[in-house]
C-alpha atoms as a PDB file:
ATOM      1  CA  MET A   1     -21.443  17.164  41.553  1.00  0.00           C
ATOM      2  CA  ASN A   2     -18.729  16.253  44.032  1.00  0.00           C
ATOM      3  CA  ALA A   3     -15.542  18.197  43.125  1.00  0.00           C
ATOM      4  CA  THR A   4     -13.357  15.135  43.665  1.00  0.00           C
ATOM      5  CA  ARG A   5     -15.439  13.117  41.195  1.00  0.00           C
ATOM      6  CA  PHE A   6     -15.661  16.020  38.711  1.00  0.00           C
ATOM      7  CA  LEU A   7     -11.879  16.566  38.417  1.00  0.00           C
ATOM      8  CA  PRO A   8     -11.095  13.295  36.546  1.00  0.00           C
ATOM      9  CA  LEU A   9     -13.763  14.152  33.974  1.00  0.00           C
ATOM     10  CA  VAL A  10     -12.187  17.559  33.374  1.00  0.00           C
ATOM     11  CA  LEU A  11      -8.741  16.013  32.997  1.00  0.00           C
ATOM     12  CA  LEU A  12     -10.103  13.371  30.584  1.00  0.00           C
ATOM     13  CA  ALA A  13     -11.761  16.030  28.440  1.00  0.00           C
ATOM     14  CA  ALA A  14      -8.600  18.108  28.373  1.00  0.00           C
ATOM     15  CA  THR A  15      -6.561  15.086  27.358  1.00  0.00           C
ATOM     16  CA  SER A  16      -8.958  14.273  24.523  1.00  0.00           C
ATOM     17  CA  LEU A  17      -8.917  17.831  23.215  1.00  0.00           C
ATOM     18  CA  SER A  18      -5.128  18.037  23.241  1.00  0.00           C
ATOM     19  CA  ALA A  19      -4.551  14.565  21.761  1.00  0.00           C
ATOM     20  CA  ASP A  20      -2.805  14.302  18.404  1.00  0.00           C
ATOM     21  CA  PRO A  21      -3.599  10.832  17.027  1.00  0.00           C
ATOM     22  CA  ILE A  22      -1.733  11.367  13.764  1.00  0.00           C
ATOM     23  CA  GLY A  23       1.246  12.668  15.720  1.00  0.00           C
ATOM     24  CA  ASP A  24       1.075   9.540  17.902  1.00  0.00           C
ATOM     25  CA  VAL A  25       1.436   7.348  14.807  1.00  0.00           C
ATOM     26  CA  ARG A  26       4.219   9.474  13.344  1.00  0.00           C
ATOM     27  CA  ALA A  27       6.170   9.288  16.613  1.00  0.00           C
ATOM     28  CA  ALA A  28       5.713   5.509  16.855  1.00  0.00           C
ATOM     29  CA  LEU A  29       6.925   5.019  13.285  1.00  0.00           C
ATOM     30  CA  GLY A  30       9.952   7.179  13.953  1.00  0.00           C
ATOM     31  CA  ARG A  31      11.304   4.526  16.311  1.00  0.00           C
ATOM     32  CA  PHE A  32      11.979   2.101  13.421  1.00  0.00           C
ATOM     33  CA  SER A  33      15.518   2.938  12.369  1.00  0.00           C
ATOM     34  CA  ALA A  34      15.713   0.125   9.738  1.00  0.00           C
ATOM     35  CA  ARG A  35      19.468  -0.462  10.005  1.00  0.00           C
ATOM     36  CA  ASP A  36      19.622  -4.111  11.089  1.00  0.00           C
ATOM     37  CA  THR A  37      20.224  -6.747   8.436  1.00  0.00           C
ATOM     38  CA  VAL A  38      17.120  -8.656   7.339  1.00  0.00           C
ATOM     39  CA  ARG A  39      16.711 -11.370   4.698  1.00  0.00           C
ATOM     40  CA  ALA A  40      13.362 -12.348   3.251  1.00  0.00           C
ATOM     41  CA  THR A  41      11.541 -14.040   0.393  1.00  0.00           C
ATOM     42  CA  TYR A  42       9.220 -11.769  -1.556  1.00  0.00           C
ATOM     43  CA  GLU A  43       6.412 -13.389  -3.552  1.00  0.00           C
ATOM     44  CA  LEU A  44       4.133 -11.445  -5.874  1.00  0.00           C
ATOM     45  CA  GLN A  45       1.245 -12.281  -8.185  1.00  0.00           C
ATOM     46  CA  ARG A  46      -0.108  -9.758 -10.685  1.00  0.00           C
ATOM     47  CA  THR A  47      -3.360 -10.275 -12.579  1.00  0.00           C
ATOM     48  CA  VAL A  48      -4.537  -8.016 -15.395  1.00  0.00           C
ATOM     49  CA  LYS A  49      -7.760  -7.986 -17.375  1.00  0.00           C
ATOM     50  CA  ASN A  50      -8.421  -5.217 -19.891  1.00  0.00           C
ATOM     51  CA  GLU A  51     -11.039  -5.105 -22.605  1.00  0.00           C
ATOM     52  CA  GLY A  52     -12.262  -2.524 -25.043  1.00  0.00           C
ATOM     53  CA  LYS A  53     -11.587  -0.839 -28.334  1.00  0.00           C
ATOM     54  CA  PHE A  54      -7.928  -0.147 -27.524  1.00  0.00           C
ATOM     55  CA  GLY A  55      -6.979  -3.710 -26.638  1.00  0.00           C
ATOM     56  CA  ASN A  56      -7.705  -6.838 -24.645  1.00  0.00           C
ATOM     57  CA  ASP A  57      -5.444  -8.458 -22.070  1.00  0.00           C
ATOM     58  CA  ASN A  58      -6.094 -11.321 -19.677  1.00  0.00           C
ATOM     59  CA  PHE A  59      -3.129 -12.804 -17.847  1.00  0.00           C
ATOM     60  CA  SER A  60      -1.671 -13.606 -14.441  1.00  0.00           C
ATOM     61  CA  GLY A  61       1.953 -14.030 -13.455  1.00  0.00           C
ATOM     62  CA  LYS A  62       3.619 -15.059 -10.196  1.00  0.00           C
ATOM     63  CA  ILE A  63       7.245 -14.664  -9.140  1.00  0.00           C
ATOM     64  CA  ALA A  64       9.453 -15.027  -6.049  1.00  0.00           C
ATOM     65  CA  VAL A  65      12.754 -13.273  -5.330  1.00  0.00           C
ATOM     66  CA  ASP A  66      15.047 -12.946  -2.335  1.00  0.00           C
ATOM     67  CA  LEU A  67      15.541  -9.602  -0.604  1.00  0.00           C
ATOM     68  CA  GLU A  68      18.319  -8.497   1.710  1.00  0.00           C
ATOM     69  CA  ALA A  69      18.425  -5.180   3.536  1.00  0.00           C
ATOM     70  CA  GLY A  70      21.012  -3.680   5.847  1.00  0.00           C
ATOM     71  CA  SER A  71      22.589  -0.400   6.815  1.00  0.00           C
ATOM     72  CA  GLY A  72      24.294  -0.244   3.412  1.00  0.00           C
ATOM     73  CA  GLY A  73      21.162  -0.615   1.276  1.00  0.00           C
ATOM     74  CA  TYR A  74      19.038  -3.273  -0.438  1.00  0.00           C
ATOM     75  CA  HIS A  75      19.722  -6.265  -2.659  1.00  0.00           C
ATOM     76  CA  ILE A  76      17.236  -8.059  -4.920  1.00  0.00           C
ATOM     77  CA  VAL A  77      18.293 -11.578  -5.897  1.00  0.00           C
ATOM     78  CA  VAL A  78      16.549 -13.093  -8.912  1.00  0.00           C
ATOM     79  CA  GLY A  79      17.148 -16.836  -9.223  1.00  0.00           C
ATOM     80  CA  ARG A  80      18.248 -18.527 -12.436  1.00  0.00           C
ATOM     81  CA  PRO A  81      15.004 -20.592 -12.790  1.00  0.00           C
ATOM     82  CA  LEU A  82      12.972 -17.370 -12.841  1.00  0.00           C
ATOM     83  CA  LEU A  83      15.295 -15.777 -15.405  1.00  0.00           C
ATOM     84  CA  ASP A  84      15.017 -18.890 -17.579  1.00  0.00           C
ATOM     85  CA  GLN A  85      11.227 -18.754 -17.376  1.00  0.00           C
ATOM     86  CA  ILE A  86      11.222 -15.102 -18.472  1.00  0.00           C
ATOM     87  CA  ALA A  87      13.557 -15.948 -21.350  1.00  0.00           C
ATOM     88  CA  ARG A  88      11.114 -18.625 -22.541  1.00  0.00           C
ATOM     89  CA  GLU A  89       8.251 -16.115 -22.350  1.00  0.00           C
ATOM     90  CA  ARG A  90      10.161 -13.639 -24.494  1.00  0.00           C
ATOM     91  CA  GLU A  91      11.106 -16.269 -27.053  1.00  0.00           C
ATOM     92  CA  ALA A  92       7.469 -17.347 -27.339  1.00  0.00           C
ATOM     93  CA  ARG A  93       6.381 -13.728 -27.799  1.00  0.00           C
ATOM     94  CA  ASP A  94       8.996 -13.199 -30.499  1.00  0.00           C
ATOM     95  CA  ARG A  95       7.302 -16.040 -32.391  1.00  0.00           C
ATOM     96  CA  ASN A  96       3.806 -14.779 -31.594  1.00  0.00           C
ATOM     97  CA  PRO A  97       3.519 -11.039 -30.725  1.00  0.00           C
ATOM     98  CA  LYS A  98      -0.041 -11.564 -29.475  1.00  0.00           C
ATOM     99  CA  LEU A  99       1.208 -13.495 -26.428  1.00  0.00           C
ATOM    100  CA  ASN A 100       1.578 -11.807 -23.051  1.00  0.00           C
ATOM    101  CA  THR A 101       4.596 -12.099 -20.762  1.00  0.00           C
ATOM    102  CA  PRO A 102       2.932 -12.470 -17.327  1.00  0.00           C
ATOM    103  CA  VAL A 103       6.026 -13.535 -15.389  1.00  0.00           C
ATOM    104  CA  ALA A 104       8.126 -10.680 -16.757  1.00  0.00           C
ATOM    105  CA  SER A 105       5.223  -8.332 -16.023  1.00  0.00           C
ATOM    106  CA  ALA A 106       5.114  -9.499 -12.406  1.00  0.00           C
ATOM    107  CA  LEU A 107       8.874  -9.065 -12.011  1.00  0.00           C
ATOM    108  CA  ARG A 108       8.626  -5.456 -13.198  1.00  0.00           C
ATOM    109  CA  GLU A 109       6.554  -4.753 -10.078  1.00  0.00           C
ATOM    110  CA  ILE A 110       9.631  -5.403  -7.926  1.00  0.00           C
ATOM    111  CA  ASN A 111      12.225  -2.657  -8.059  1.00  0.00           C
ATOM    112  CA  ALA A 112      14.435  -0.771  -5.619  1.00  0.00           C
ATOM    113  CA  VAL A 113      11.511   1.289  -4.312  1.00  0.00           C
ATOM    114  CA  GLU A 114       9.333  -1.787  -3.755  1.00  0.00           C
ATOM    115  CA  ALA A 115      12.176  -3.612  -2.015  1.00  0.00           C
ATOM    116  CA  ALA A 116      12.687  -0.665   0.316  1.00  0.00           C
ATOM    117  CA  ASP A 117       8.968  -0.453   1.117  1.00  0.00           C
ATOM    118  CA  ALA A 118       8.654  -4.197   1.664  1.00  0.00           C
ATOM    119  CA  LEU A 119      11.341  -4.304   4.367  1.00  0.00           C
ATOM    120  CA  ASP A 120      10.943  -0.782   5.753  1.00  0.00           C
ATOM    121  CA  PHE A 121       7.346   0.363   5.407  1.00  0.00           C
ATOM    122  CA  ALA A 122       7.337   3.003   8.152  1.00  0.00           C
ATOM    123  CA  PRO A 123       8.404   5.891   5.863  1.00  0.00           C
ATOM    124  CA  ALA A 124       5.672   5.024   3.356  1.00  0.00           C
ATOM    125  CA  ILE A 125       3.005   5.277   6.080  1.00  0.00           C
ATOM    126  CA  VAL A 126       4.400   8.620   7.219  1.00  0.00           C
ATOM    127  CA  ARG A 127       4.069   9.932   3.660  1.00  0.00           C
ATOM    128  CA  LEU A 128       0.544   8.534   3.371  1.00  0.00           C
ATOM    129  CA  ILE A 129      -0.710  10.303   6.508  1.00  0.00           C
ATOM    130  CA  ASP A 130       1.175  13.544   5.887  1.00  0.00           C
ATOM    131  CA  GLY A 131      -1.375  16.335   5.586  1.00  0.00           C
ATOM    132  CA  ALA A 132      -4.301  14.014   6.400  1.00  0.00           C
ATOM    133  CA  LYS A 133      -7.299  15.109   8.469  1.00  0.00           C
ATOM    134  CA  LEU A 134      -8.651  13.029  11.347  1.00  0.00           C
ATOM    135  CA  VAL A 135     -12.182  11.680  10.800  1.00  0.00           C
ATOM    136  CA  SER A 136     -12.468   9.369  13.816  1.00  0.00           C
ATOM    137  CA  ASP A 137     -10.395   7.808  16.599  1.00  0.00           C
ATOM    138  CA  ALA A 138     -12.030   4.845  18.322  1.00  0.00           C
ATOM    139  CA  ALA A 139     -11.442   1.499  19.954  1.00  0.00           C
ATOM    140  CA  GLY A 140     -11.814  -1.518  17.710  1.00  0.00           C
ATOM    141  CA  THR A 141     -10.258  -4.875  16.886  1.00  0.00           C
ATOM    142  CA  TRP A 142      -7.762  -6.332  14.455  1.00  0.00           C
ATOM    143  CA  ALA A 143      -7.430 -10.085  13.957  1.00  0.00           C
ATOM    144  CA  GLY A 144      -9.614 -10.596  17.015  1.00  0.00           C
ATOM    145  CA  LYS A 145      -7.458  -8.459  19.305  1.00  0.00           C
ATOM    146  CA  PRO A 146      -8.067  -4.949  20.676  1.00  0.00           C
ATOM    147  CA  ALA A 147      -6.777  -2.140  18.480  1.00  0.00           C
ATOM    148  CA  ARG A 148      -7.013   1.621  18.183  1.00  0.00           C
ATOM    149  CA  VAL A 149      -8.672   2.487  14.872  1.00  0.00           C
ATOM    150  CA  LEU A 150      -7.974   5.793  13.145  1.00  0.00           C
ATOM    151  CA  ILE A 151      -9.879   6.905  10.061  1.00  0.00           C
ATOM    152  CA  LEU A 152      -8.316   9.745   8.075  1.00  0.00           C
ATOM    153  CA  ARG A 153      -9.115  11.805   5.008  1.00  0.00           C
ATOM    154  CA  ALA A 154      -5.841  11.748   3.119  1.00  0.00           C
ATOM    155  CA  ALA A 155      -4.520  14.809   1.359  1.00  0.00           C
ATOM    156  CA  ASP A 156      -5.353  14.940  -2.355  1.00  0.00           C
ATOM    157  CA  ARG A 157      -2.147  15.001  -4.356  1.00  0.00           C
ATOM    158  CA  ILE A 158      -3.002  15.631  -7.994  1.00  0.00           C
ATOM    159  CA  ASP A 159      -0.420  16.172 -10.681  1.00  0.00           C
ATOM    160  CA  PRO A 160      -0.543  19.825 -11.853  1.00  0.00           C
ATOM    161  CA  ASP A 161      -1.156  18.595 -15.399  1.00  0.00           C
ATOM    162  CA  ASP A 162      -4.331  16.859 -14.184  1.00  0.00           C
ATOM    163  CA  ALA A 163      -5.674  19.803 -12.177  1.00  0.00           C
ATOM    164  CA  GLY A 164      -9.141  20.662 -13.411  1.00  0.00           C
ATOM    165  CA  LYS A 165      -9.457  17.328 -15.212  1.00  0.00           C
ATOM    166  CA  MET A 166      -9.725  15.069 -12.163  1.00  0.00           C
ATOM    167  CA  LYS A 167     -12.096  15.171  -9.196  1.00  0.00           C
ATOM    168  CA  VAL A 168     -11.292  13.019  -6.172  1.00  0.00           C
ATOM    169  CA  ALA A 169     -14.407  11.315  -4.819  1.00  0.00           C
ATOM    170  CA  GLU A 170     -12.799   9.229  -2.051  1.00  0.00           C
ATOM    171  CA  ASN A 171      -9.422   9.310  -0.317  1.00  0.00           C
ATOM    172  CA  LYS A 172      -9.812   7.392   2.941  1.00  0.00           C
ATOM    173  CA  VAL A 173      -7.089   5.869   5.096  1.00  0.00           C
ATOM    174  CA  THR A 174      -7.808   3.477   7.987  1.00  0.00           C
ATOM    175  CA  LEU A 175      -5.099   2.454  10.461  1.00  0.00           C
ATOM    176  CA  TRP A 176      -5.342  -0.299  13.058  1.00  0.00           C
ATOM    177  CA  LEU A 177      -2.841   0.418  15.848  1.00  0.00           C
ATOM    178  CA  ASP A 178      -1.411  -1.651  18.693  1.00  0.00           C
ATOM    179  CA  SER A 179      -0.988  -0.411  22.274  1.00  0.00           C
ATOM    180  CA  GLU A 180       2.185   1.469  21.234  1.00  0.00           C
ATOM    181  CA  ASN A 181       0.417   3.195  18.290  1.00  0.00           C
ATOM    182  CA  VAL A 182       2.374   1.089  15.792  1.00  0.00           C
ATOM    183  CA  PRO A 183       0.222   0.151  12.771  1.00  0.00           C
ATOM    184  CA  LEU A 184      -0.866  -3.470  12.577  1.00  0.00           C
ATOM    185  CA  ALA A 185      -2.625  -2.863   9.273  1.00  0.00           C
ATOM    186  CA  VAL A 186      -3.436   0.008   6.928  1.00  0.00           C
ATOM    187  CA  GLU A 187      -6.079   0.408   4.229  1.00  0.00           C
ATOM    188  CA  HIS A 188      -6.304   3.117   1.584  1.00  0.00           C
ATOM    189  CA  LEU A 189      -9.415   3.627  -0.558  1.00  0.00           C
ATOM    190  CA  PHE A 190      -9.167   6.034  -3.479  1.00  0.00           C
ATOM    191  CA  GLY A 191     -11.690   6.979  -6.128  1.00  0.00           C
ATOM    192  CA  ALA A 192     -11.694   9.675  -8.776  1.00  0.00           C
ATOM    193  CA  LYS A 193     -13.453  10.800 -11.929  1.00  0.00           C
ATOM    194  CA  PHE A 194     -11.754  12.525 -14.819  1.00  0.00           C
ATOM    195  CA  SER A 195     -12.903  14.386 -17.867  1.00  0.00           C
ATOM    196  CA  PHE A 196     -11.143  16.104 -20.741  1.00  0.00           C
ATOM    197  CA  LEU A 197     -13.111  17.599 -23.604  1.00  0.00           C
ATOM    198  CA  PHE A 198     -15.640  14.860 -24.489  1.00  0.00           C
ATOM    199  CA  LEU A 199     -13.651  12.070 -22.799  1.00  0.00           C
ATOM    200  CA  LYS A 200     -14.777  10.826 -19.388  1.00  0.00           C
ATOM    201  CA  GLY A 201     -13.744   8.030 -17.077  1.00  0.00           C
ATOM    202  CA  GLU A 202     -13.300   6.912 -13.510  1.00  0.00           C
ATOM    203  CA  VAL A 203     -10.934   4.854 -11.399  1.00  0.00           C
ATOM    204  CA  SER A 204     -11.198   3.191  -7.991  1.00  0.00           C
ATOM    205  CA  GLU A 205      -8.358   1.648  -6.006  1.00  0.00           C
ATOM    206  CA  LYS A 206      -8.049  -0.329  -2.808  1.00  0.00           C
ATOM    207  CA  LYS A 207      -4.715  -0.941  -1.112  1.00  0.00           C
ATOM    208  CA  SER A 208      -4.262  -2.876   2.118  1.00  0.00           C
ATOM    209  CA  TRP A 209      -1.144  -3.730   4.074  1.00  0.00           C
ATOM    210  CA  HIS A 210      -0.666  -6.210   6.927  1.00  0.00           C
ATOM    211  CA  LEU A 211       2.418  -5.317   8.931  1.00  0.00           C
ATOM    212  CA  ALA A 212       4.886  -7.110  11.200  1.00  0.00           C
ATOM    213  CA  ARG A 213       7.976  -6.215  13.195  1.00  0.00           C
ATOM    214  CA  ALA A 214      11.341  -7.701  12.258  1.00  0.00           C
ATOM    215  CA  ALA A 215      14.434  -6.468  14.098  1.00  0.00           C
ATOM    216  CA  ASP A 216      14.291  -2.647  13.922  1.00  0.00           C
ATOM    217  CA  ARG A 217      11.975  -2.658  10.913  1.00  0.00           C
ATOM    218  CA  LEU A 218       8.258  -2.518  10.177  1.00  0.00           C
ATOM    219  CA  VAL A 219       7.841  -5.101   7.435  1.00  0.00           C
ATOM    220  CA  ARG A 220       5.078  -5.152   4.835  1.00  0.00           C
ATOM    221  CA  ALA A 221       4.067  -8.768   5.499  1.00  0.00           C
ATOM    222  CA  ARG A 222       1.163  -8.751   3.026  1.00  0.00           C
ATOM    223  CA  TYR A 223       0.080  -6.245   0.406  1.00  0.00           C
ATOM    224  CA  GLU A 224      -3.100  -6.360  -1.672  1.00  0.00           C
ATOM    225  CA  PHE A 225      -3.959  -3.949  -4.456  1.00  0.00           C
ATOM    226  CA  THR A 226      -6.999  -3.815  -6.723  1.00  0.00           C
ATOM    227  CA  GLN A 227      -7.805  -1.230  -9.358  1.00  0.00           C
ATOM    228  CA  ASN A 228     -10.877  -0.869 -11.544  1.00  0.00           C
ATOM    229  CA  SER A 229     -11.026   1.719 -14.293  1.00  0.00           C
ATOM    230  CA  SER A 230     -13.329   2.622 -17.136  1.00  0.00           C
ATOM    231  CA  GLY A 231     -13.561   5.272 -19.791  1.00  0.00           C
ATOM    232  CA  MET A 232     -13.004   6.013 -23.466  1.00  0.00           C
ATOM    233  CA  GLY A 233     -14.422   2.632 -24.437  1.00  0.00           C
ATOM    234  CA  GLN A 234     -12.036   0.676 -22.248  1.00  0.00           C
ATOM    235  CA  LYS A 235     -12.429  -1.256 -18.984  1.00  0.00           C
ATOM    236  CA  GLY A 236      -9.529  -2.393 -16.865  1.00  0.00           C
ATOM    237  CA  ASN A 237      -9.038  -4.541 -13.791  1.00  0.00           C
ATOM    238  CA  GLU A 238      -5.701  -5.144 -12.101  1.00  0.00           C
ATOM    239  CA  SER A 239      -4.779  -6.866  -8.848  1.00  0.00           C
ATOM    240  CA  VAL A 240      -1.534  -7.489  -7.013  1.00  0.00           C
ATOM    241  CA  VAL A 241      -0.969  -9.735  -3.999  1.00  0.00           C
ATOM    242  CA  ALA A 242       2.505  -9.673  -2.438  1.00  0.00           C
ATOM    243  CA  THR A 243       3.877 -11.324   0.695  1.00  0.00           C
ATOM    244  CA  VAL A 244       7.131 -11.001   2.599  1.00  0.00           C
ATOM    245  CA  ARG A 245       8.486 -13.932   4.612  1.00  0.00           C
ATOM    246  CA  VAL A 246      11.435 -12.993   6.811  1.00  0.00           C
ATOM    247  CA  HIS A 247      14.001 -15.782   7.191  1.00  0.00           C
END
């Protein structure tokens, strides 16, 4: 082989071997300082369906609040109409304890941590990929446009109290990256089985995030969560869909 033609191949191989895809993502996320002021509307719908010998639930609640973030912190603004609706739910439940409170349940999903993640999602991704192992790094597409696609095996983080009782079957993270290695979208698939004495069960979860840039922030534009669980005579299904619209 001609030496001049062979040299680029050697350099390409060396580059591939020394590449650190996870480090590329971590460095790209580190550029989002999240200090500029941003205002947004956060909408969330939570749906729950449980059935079995311990109880049955079937309800769906939707809420919308305003978020504001700046260098001094985060504010969650809950409008009076939403508070009035929750008050009516509680009054109805006082009269009939069998009733659910779907709107109040949805509002409980929004707290200081969720507000921070919604308007500054870069740190959450860093935590998700911390300790992960690279499975593949390839060219792909996202929303019809070219993207770098990383597939990772996330680190198993099991509570010490659950050690020996839970076995993780799946813990896969997929990231779609733009030309600057900034995530366009992230997906996390998790599955586990648990057993304690004669009790057995399993749980599977899927989380997906669509991301967008706003000022110096990486915003969680859309979040979808589904969880299916079974065990001890009970089956449960829960889903959450949340969107952030920056003003």
